[in-house]
Amino acid sequence: MSRTEHQITALGARVHLFVQPESRDRFISLFRDVLGCETAELDFGLPYPVFLVSFGDGSRFSVEFSELAPEDYGGVVDDQSAFRGAWIEFRTTDVPEFHGRLRQAGIPEFRHPGSNHVYFSAPGGQAFRLIDVSYEGP
């Protein structure tokens, strides 16, 4: 098979996360109330509805609240204790505004030595960063 015949061409516009049920209310509040994202809860017959966060470009992520999710780090987060699953980045037109909202809400932040960006840790431990919509880089 040659490289031009078949290839994976892009990341999909969807991510699915798992978060411990004990972090459910705080996780929902972060994205619905603090960051003002469009959200919905979808009932698929699971113990908790799936939480869906949608963005204007058609991308979205869903969260399943499950005891099978990794345990939360349980305190102050730094690069050594940050969740080591996939880290997510969100694009925004106003990085300083949303950094301020996250800090005001008490969302833990940390730095990774390989990056100039500030990272945050959502309730349940998921690490993420905010970047400008025009950002092109690592």
N, C-alpha and C. Protein backbone atom coordinates (compact mmCIF):
# COMPACT_ATOMS: atom_id res chain seq x y z
N MET A 1 0.84 -1.17 0.00
CA MET A 1 0.00 0.00 0.00
C MET A 1 0.90 1.24 0.00
N SER A 2 0.67 2.14 -0.91
CA SER A 2 1.45 3.37 -0.94
C SER A 2 0.84 4.39 0.01
N ARG A 3 1.61 5.39 0.38
CA ARG A 3 1.15 6.43 1.31
C ARG A 3 -0.04 7.20 0.76
N THR A 4 -0.17 7.31 -0.54
CA THR A 4 -1.26 8.11 -1.11
C THR A 4 -2.54 7.31 -1.30
N GLU A 5 -2.47 6.00 -1.28
CA GLU A 5 -3.66 5.18 -1.46
C GLU A 5 -4.63 5.32 -0.30
N HIS A 6 -4.17 5.01 0.87
CA HIS A 6 -5.00 5.03 2.07
C HIS A 6 -4.24 5.75 3.15
N GLN A 7 -4.93 6.64 3.83
CA GLN A 7 -4.27 7.34 4.91
C GLN A 7 -5.29 7.87 5.90
N ILE A 8 -4.84 8.07 7.10
CA ILE A 8 -5.65 8.78 8.09
C ILE A 8 -5.38 10.24 7.85
N THR A 9 -6.43 11.03 7.66
CA THR A 9 -6.24 12.40 7.20
C THR A 9 -6.39 13.47 8.27
N ALA A 10 -7.00 13.17 9.40
CA ALA A 10 -7.21 14.22 10.41
C ALA A 10 -7.69 13.62 11.71
N LEU A 11 -7.64 14.42 12.74
CA LEU A 11 -8.29 14.05 14.00
C LEU A 11 -9.79 14.25 13.83
N GLY A 12 -10.56 13.44 14.48
CA GLY A 12 -12.00 13.64 14.48
C GLY A 12 -12.37 14.82 15.36
N ALA A 13 -13.56 15.30 15.21
CA ALA A 13 -14.03 16.46 15.97
C ALA A 13 -14.76 16.02 17.23
N ARG A 14 -14.39 14.84 17.77
CA ARG A 14 -15.07 14.32 18.94
C ARG A 14 -14.08 13.62 19.85
N VAL A 15 -14.25 13.82 21.14
CA VAL A 15 -13.45 13.17 22.18
C VAL A 15 -14.43 12.63 23.22
N HIS A 16 -14.12 11.47 23.79
CA HIS A 16 -14.96 10.91 24.86
C HIS A 16 -14.07 10.68 26.07
N LEU A 17 -14.48 11.21 27.21
CA LEU A 17 -13.72 11.11 28.46
C LEU A 17 -14.47 10.27 29.49
N PHE A 18 -13.74 9.79 30.47
CA PHE A 18 -14.33 9.11 31.61
C PHE A 18 -13.92 9.85 32.87
N VAL A 19 -14.88 10.14 33.73
CA VAL A 19 -14.65 10.89 34.97
C VAL A 19 -15.39 10.17 36.10
N GLN A 20 -14.77 10.12 37.27
CA GLN A 20 -15.40 9.52 38.44
C GLN A 20 -16.70 10.25 38.79
N PRO A 21 -17.75 9.52 39.17
CA PRO A 21 -19.04 10.15 39.51
C PRO A 21 -18.94 11.21 40.61
N GLU A 22 -18.02 11.06 41.55
CA GLU A 22 -17.89 12.03 42.63
C GLU A 22 -17.49 13.42 42.13
N SER A 23 -16.92 13.49 40.93
CA SER A 23 -16.52 14.77 40.35
C SER A 23 -17.56 15.32 39.38
N ARG A 24 -18.68 14.64 39.22
CA ARG A 24 -19.68 14.99 38.21
C ARG A 24 -20.17 16.43 38.30
N ASP A 25 -20.68 16.84 39.43
CA ASP A 25 -21.26 18.19 39.56
C ASP A 25 -20.22 19.27 39.31
N ARG A 26 -19.03 19.10 39.85
CA ARG A 26 -17.97 20.10 39.64
C ARG A 26 -17.51 20.13 38.19
N PHE A 27 -17.44 18.97 37.54
CA PHE A 27 -17.03 18.91 36.14
C PHE A 27 -18.07 19.62 35.26
N ILE A 28 -19.33 19.32 35.46
CA ILE A 28 -20.40 19.96 34.69
C ILE A 28 -20.38 21.47 34.92
N SER A 29 -20.24 21.90 36.15
CA SER A 29 -20.22 23.33 36.46
C SER A 29 -19.06 24.04 35.77
N LEU A 30 -17.90 23.40 35.70
CA LEU A 30 -16.75 24.01 35.04
C LEU A 30 -17.08 24.39 33.60
N PHE A 31 -17.60 23.44 32.85
CA PHE A 31 -17.83 23.71 31.43
C PHE A 31 -19.12 24.48 31.16
N ARG A 32 -20.15 24.24 31.95
CA ARG A 32 -21.42 24.95 31.75
C ARG A 32 -21.38 26.36 32.33
N ASP A 33 -20.96 26.50 33.59
CA ASP A 33 -21.07 27.77 34.31
C ASP A 33 -19.82 28.64 34.19
N VAL A 34 -18.66 28.05 34.38
CA VAL A 34 -17.41 28.85 34.36
C VAL A 34 -17.02 29.22 32.93
N LEU A 35 -17.00 28.23 32.04
CA LEU A 35 -16.56 28.49 30.67
C LEU A 35 -17.70 28.83 29.72
N GLY A 36 -18.95 28.66 30.16
CA GLY A 36 -20.10 29.05 29.35
C GLY A 36 -20.29 28.25 28.08
N CYS A 37 -19.91 26.99 28.09
CA CYS A 37 -20.04 26.15 26.90
C CYS A 37 -21.48 25.68 26.73
N GLU A 38 -21.82 25.31 25.51
CA GLU A 38 -23.13 24.70 25.23
C GLU A 38 -23.07 23.26 25.72
N THR A 39 -24.00 22.88 26.59
CA THR A 39 -23.96 21.54 27.17
C THR A 39 -25.32 20.87 27.10
N ALA A 40 -25.31 19.56 27.21
CA ALA A 40 -26.53 18.76 27.26
C ALA A 40 -26.22 17.49 28.03
N GLU A 41 -27.25 16.89 28.59
CA GLU A 41 -27.11 15.58 29.22
C GLU A 41 -27.95 14.60 28.44
N LEU A 42 -27.35 13.48 28.05
CA LEU A 42 -27.99 12.50 27.19
C LEU A 42 -28.17 11.19 27.96
N ASP A 43 -29.39 10.70 28.00
CA ASP A 43 -29.68 9.47 28.74
C ASP A 43 -29.58 8.27 27.81
N PHE A 44 -28.59 7.43 28.07
CA PHE A 44 -28.40 6.20 27.31
C PHE A 44 -28.64 4.97 28.20
N GLY A 45 -29.31 5.18 29.34
CA GLY A 45 -29.58 4.09 30.25
C GLY A 45 -28.42 3.73 31.15
N LEU A 46 -27.40 4.56 31.18
CA LEU A 46 -26.26 4.34 32.07
C LEU A 46 -26.60 4.88 33.45
N PRO A 47 -25.81 4.57 34.47
CA PRO A 47 -26.11 5.09 35.81
C PRO A 47 -26.20 6.63 35.87
N TYR A 48 -25.45 7.31 35.02
CA TYR A 48 -25.49 8.78 34.93
C TYR A 48 -25.65 9.16 33.46
N PRO A 49 -26.38 10.23 33.19
CA PRO A 49 -26.45 10.69 31.79
C PRO A 49 -25.06 11.06 31.28
N VAL A 50 -24.84 10.89 29.98
CA VAL A 50 -23.60 11.31 29.35
C VAL A 50 -23.67 12.82 29.20
N PHE A 51 -22.62 13.50 29.58
CA PHE A 51 -22.54 14.96 29.50
C PHE A 51 -21.87 15.32 28.18
N LEU A 52 -22.54 16.16 27.39
CA LEU A 52 -22.04 16.54 26.07
C LEU A 52 -21.74 18.03 26.05
N VAL A 53 -20.53 18.38 25.61
CA VAL A 53 -20.13 19.77 25.46
C VAL A 53 -19.89 20.01 23.97
N SER A 54 -20.61 21.00 23.40
CA SER A 54 -20.53 21.28 21.96
C SER A 54 -19.97 22.67 21.71
N PHE A 55 -19.28 22.80 20.58
CA PHE A 55 -18.67 24.07 20.19
C PHE A 55 -19.21 24.51 18.84
N GLY A 56 -19.07 25.79 18.55
CA GLY A 56 -19.63 26.38 17.34
C GLY A 56 -19.11 25.81 16.04
N ASP A 57 -17.93 25.19 16.06
CA ASP A 57 -17.37 24.64 14.82
C ASP A 57 -17.84 23.21 14.55
N GLY A 58 -18.74 22.70 15.39
CA GLY A 58 -19.24 21.34 15.22
C GLY A 58 -18.49 20.30 16.03
N SER A 59 -17.37 20.67 16.64
CA SER A 59 -16.64 19.72 17.47
C SER A 59 -17.35 19.60 18.82
N ARG A 60 -17.06 18.53 19.50
CA ARG A 60 -17.69 18.30 20.80
C ARG A 60 -16.92 17.23 21.57
N PHE A 61 -17.19 17.20 22.87
CA PHE A 61 -16.69 16.08 23.65
C PHE A 61 -17.77 15.61 24.58
N SER A 62 -17.72 14.32 24.90
CA SER A 62 -18.71 13.73 25.79
C SER A 62 -17.98 13.13 26.99
N VAL A 63 -18.71 13.06 28.09
CA VAL A 63 -18.13 12.56 29.34
C VAL A 63 -19.05 11.51 29.92
N GLU A 64 -18.46 10.38 30.21
CA GLU A 64 -19.18 9.30 30.87
C GLU A 64 -18.69 9.24 32.32
N PHE A 65 -19.61 9.35 33.25
CA PHE A 65 -19.27 9.30 34.66
C PHE A 65 -19.35 7.86 35.11
N SER A 66 -18.18 7.31 35.49
CA SER A 66 -18.08 5.89 35.76
C SER A 66 -17.05 5.62 36.85
N GLU A 67 -17.33 4.63 37.66
CA GLU A 67 -16.38 4.19 38.68
C GLU A 67 -15.11 3.62 38.04
N LEU A 68 -15.16 3.30 36.76
CA LEU A 68 -14.00 2.75 36.06
C LEU A 68 -13.01 3.83 35.62
N ALA A 69 -13.40 5.10 35.76
CA ALA A 69 -12.52 6.22 35.39
C ALA A 69 -11.32 6.28 36.34
N PRO A 70 -10.23 6.89 35.89
CA PRO A 70 -9.07 7.06 36.79
C PRO A 70 -9.45 7.88 38.01
N GLU A 71 -8.79 7.61 39.10
CA GLU A 71 -9.01 8.37 40.33
C GLU A 71 -8.49 9.79 40.16
N ASP A 72 -9.14 10.73 40.81
CA ASP A 72 -8.70 12.12 40.80
C ASP A 72 -7.38 12.20 41.58
N TYR A 73 -6.54 13.17 41.22
CA TYR A 73 -5.26 13.35 41.90
C TYR A 73 -5.44 13.78 43.34
N GLY A 74 -6.54 14.48 43.66
CA GLY A 74 -6.90 14.79 45.03
C GLY A 74 -6.17 15.93 45.70
N GLY A 75 -5.83 16.97 45.02
CA GLY A 75 -5.19 18.10 45.69
C GLY A 75 -4.56 19.06 44.72
N VAL A 76 -3.50 19.70 45.17
CA VAL A 76 -2.78 20.64 44.33
C VAL A 76 -2.15 19.87 43.17
N VAL A 77 -2.29 20.40 41.98
CA VAL A 77 -1.74 19.71 40.82
C VAL A 77 -0.50 20.44 40.32
N ASP A 78 0.48 19.66 39.91
CA ASP A 78 1.66 20.19 39.24
C ASP A 78 2.00 19.20 38.14
N ASP A 79 3.06 19.45 37.41
CA ASP A 79 3.39 18.58 36.28
C ASP A 79 3.64 17.14 36.73
N GLN A 80 4.16 16.94 37.91
CA GLN A 80 4.44 15.58 38.39
C GLN A 80 3.18 14.80 38.75
N SER A 81 2.12 15.51 39.18
CA SER A 81 0.92 14.82 39.62
C SER A 81 -0.24 14.93 38.64
N ALA A 82 -0.04 15.61 37.50
CA ALA A 82 -1.12 15.79 36.52
C ALA A 82 -1.51 14.46 35.89
N PHE A 83 -2.76 14.34 35.54
CA PHE A 83 -3.30 13.17 34.86
C PHE A 83 -2.47 12.86 33.62
N ARG A 84 -2.12 11.61 33.43
CA ARG A 84 -1.24 11.24 32.32
C ARG A 84 -1.98 10.56 31.17
N GLY A 85 -3.26 10.83 31.04
CA GLY A 85 -4.00 10.39 29.86
C GLY A 85 -3.85 11.46 28.79
N ALA A 86 -4.72 11.45 27.81
CA ALA A 86 -4.69 12.47 26.76
C ALA A 86 -4.98 13.84 27.36
N TRP A 87 -4.24 14.83 26.93
CA TRP A 87 -4.50 16.21 27.34
C TRP A 87 -5.24 16.88 26.19
N ILE A 88 -6.14 17.78 26.50
CA ILE A 88 -7.00 18.40 25.51
C ILE A 88 -6.65 19.88 25.38
N GLU A 89 -6.81 20.42 24.17
CA GLU A 89 -6.69 21.87 24.02
C GLU A 89 -7.99 22.41 23.45
N PHE A 90 -8.38 23.57 23.96
CA PHE A 90 -9.57 24.26 23.51
C PHE A 90 -9.15 25.59 22.89
N ARG A 91 -9.74 25.94 21.78
CA ARG A 91 -9.45 27.21 21.10
C ARG A 91 -10.46 28.26 21.54
N THR A 92 -9.97 29.50 21.71
CA THR A 92 -10.83 30.60 22.12
C THR A 92 -10.34 31.90 21.49
N THR A 93 -11.23 32.86 21.43
CA THR A 93 -10.86 34.18 20.92
C THR A 93 -10.32 35.07 22.03
N ASP A 94 -10.36 34.60 23.29
CA ASP A 94 -9.91 35.43 24.41
C ASP A 94 -9.28 34.58 25.52
N VAL A 95 -8.05 34.16 25.30
CA VAL A 95 -7.35 33.31 26.27
C VAL A 95 -7.27 33.98 27.64
N PRO A 96 -6.84 35.25 27.75
CA PRO A 96 -6.76 35.86 29.09
C PRO A 96 -8.09 35.88 29.85
N GLU A 97 -9.19 36.13 29.14
CA GLU A 97 -10.51 36.13 29.78
C GLU A 97 -10.82 34.77 30.40
N PHE A 98 -10.60 33.71 29.64
CA PHE A 98 -10.93 32.38 30.15
C PHE A 98 -9.93 31.89 31.18
N HIS A 99 -8.67 32.28 31.07
CA HIS A 99 -7.71 31.98 32.15
C HIS A 99 -8.20 32.63 33.44
N GLY A 100 -8.66 33.86 33.35
CA GLY A 100 -9.19 34.56 34.53
C GLY A 100 -10.39 33.86 35.13
N ARG A 101 -11.31 33.43 34.28
CA ARG A 101 -12.49 32.71 34.77
C ARG A 101 -12.09 31.41 35.49
N LEU A 102 -11.14 30.69 34.91
CA LEU A 102 -10.69 29.44 35.52
C LEU A 102 -10.02 29.70 36.86
N ARG A 103 -9.18 30.72 36.92
CA ARG A 103 -8.50 31.05 38.18
C ARG A 103 -9.51 31.50 39.23
N GLN A 104 -10.46 32.32 38.83
CA GLN A 104 -11.49 32.80 39.76
C GLN A 104 -12.32 31.64 40.31
N ALA A 105 -12.53 30.63 39.50
CA ALA A 105 -13.29 29.45 39.94
C ALA A 105 -12.44 28.47 40.74
N GLY A 106 -11.14 28.76 40.88
CA GLY A 106 -10.27 27.89 41.67
C GLY A 106 -9.84 26.62 40.96
N ILE A 107 -9.87 26.61 39.64
CA ILE A 107 -9.45 25.42 38.89
C ILE A 107 -7.92 25.35 38.94
N PRO A 108 -7.37 24.23 39.41
CA PRO A 108 -5.92 24.12 39.54
C PRO A 108 -5.21 24.29 38.20
N GLU A 109 -4.08 25.00 38.23
CA GLU A 109 -3.28 25.19 37.03
C GLU A 109 -1.85 24.75 37.29
N PHE A 110 -1.15 24.44 36.21
CA PHE A 110 0.23 24.00 36.34
C PHE A 110 0.96 24.27 35.03
N ARG A 111 2.26 24.11 35.05
CA ARG A 111 3.11 24.27 33.87
C ARG A 111 3.77 22.93 33.56
N HIS A 112 3.96 22.68 32.28
CA HIS A 112 4.70 21.50 31.82
C HIS A 112 6.02 22.02 31.25
N PRO A 113 7.16 21.43 31.62
CA PRO A 113 8.44 21.98 31.20
C PRO A 113 8.65 22.03 29.69
N GLY A 114 7.90 21.24 28.92
CA GLY A 114 8.06 21.24 27.48
C GLY A 114 7.15 22.21 26.75
N SER A 115 6.50 23.13 27.49
CA SER A 115 5.52 24.02 26.87
C SER A 115 5.53 25.39 27.52
N ASN A 116 5.19 26.40 26.75
CA ASN A 116 5.04 27.75 27.30
C ASN A 116 3.61 28.02 27.76
N HIS A 117 2.71 27.07 27.58
CA HIS A 117 1.30 27.25 27.91
C HIS A 117 1.01 26.94 29.37
N VAL A 118 -0.06 27.51 29.86
CA VAL A 118 -0.60 27.18 31.18
C VAL A 118 -1.59 26.04 30.97
N TYR A 119 -1.53 25.04 31.81
CA TYR A 119 -2.47 23.92 31.77
C TYR A 119 -3.35 23.98 33.01
N PHE A 120 -4.56 23.45 32.88
CA PHE A 120 -5.51 23.40 33.98
C PHE A 120 -5.94 21.96 34.17
N SER A 121 -6.45 21.66 35.35
CA SER A 121 -6.92 20.31 35.65
C SER A 121 -8.39 20.38 36.04
N ALA A 122 -9.24 19.79 35.22
CA ALA A 122 -10.69 19.76 35.47
C ALA A 122 -10.99 18.84 36.65
N PRO A 123 -12.12 19.03 37.33
CA PRO A 123 -12.52 18.07 38.34
C PRO A 123 -12.52 16.67 37.72
N GLY A 124 -11.89 15.73 38.38
CA GLY A 124 -11.72 14.40 37.84
C GLY A 124 -10.32 14.20 37.28
N GLY A 125 -9.55 15.29 37.12
CA GLY A 125 -8.15 15.19 36.76
C GLY A 125 -7.79 15.47 35.32
N GLN A 126 -8.75 15.59 34.40
CA GLN A 126 -8.42 15.79 32.99
C GLN A 126 -7.65 17.08 32.79
N ALA A 127 -6.48 17.01 32.14
CA ALA A 127 -5.64 18.19 31.89
C ALA A 127 -6.03 18.82 30.56
N PHE A 128 -6.04 20.16 30.52
CA PHE A 128 -6.35 20.87 29.29
C PHE A 128 -5.66 22.22 29.27
N ARG A 129 -5.57 22.79 28.06
CA ARG A 129 -5.04 24.13 27.90
C ARG A 129 -5.96 24.90 26.96
N LEU A 130 -5.88 26.21 27.03
CA LEU A 130 -6.61 27.10 26.14
C LEU A 130 -5.62 27.77 25.22
N ILE A 131 -5.93 27.79 23.93
CA ILE A 131 -5.07 28.45 22.96
C ILE A 131 -5.92 29.40 22.12
N ASP A 132 -5.27 30.41 21.55
CA ASP A 132 -5.94 31.34 20.67
C ASP A 132 -6.36 30.63 19.39
N VAL A 133 -7.49 31.05 18.80
CA VAL A 133 -7.97 30.41 17.58
C VAL A 133 -6.95 30.46 16.45
N SER A 134 -6.07 31.45 16.47
CA SER A 134 -5.08 31.58 15.39
C SER A 134 -3.77 30.85 15.68
N TYR A 135 -3.65 30.24 16.85
CA TYR A 135 -2.39 29.58 17.24
C TYR A 135 -2.04 28.44 16.28
N GLU A 136 -0.80 28.44 15.83
CA GLU A 136 -0.25 27.35 15.03
C GLU A 136 1.09 26.99 15.63
N GLY A 137 1.17 25.86 16.22
CA GLY A 137 2.42 25.45 16.84
C GLY A 137 2.27 24.16 17.58
N PRO A 138 3.29 23.80 18.30
CA PRO A 138 3.22 22.53 19.03
C PRO A 138 2.26 22.56 20.19
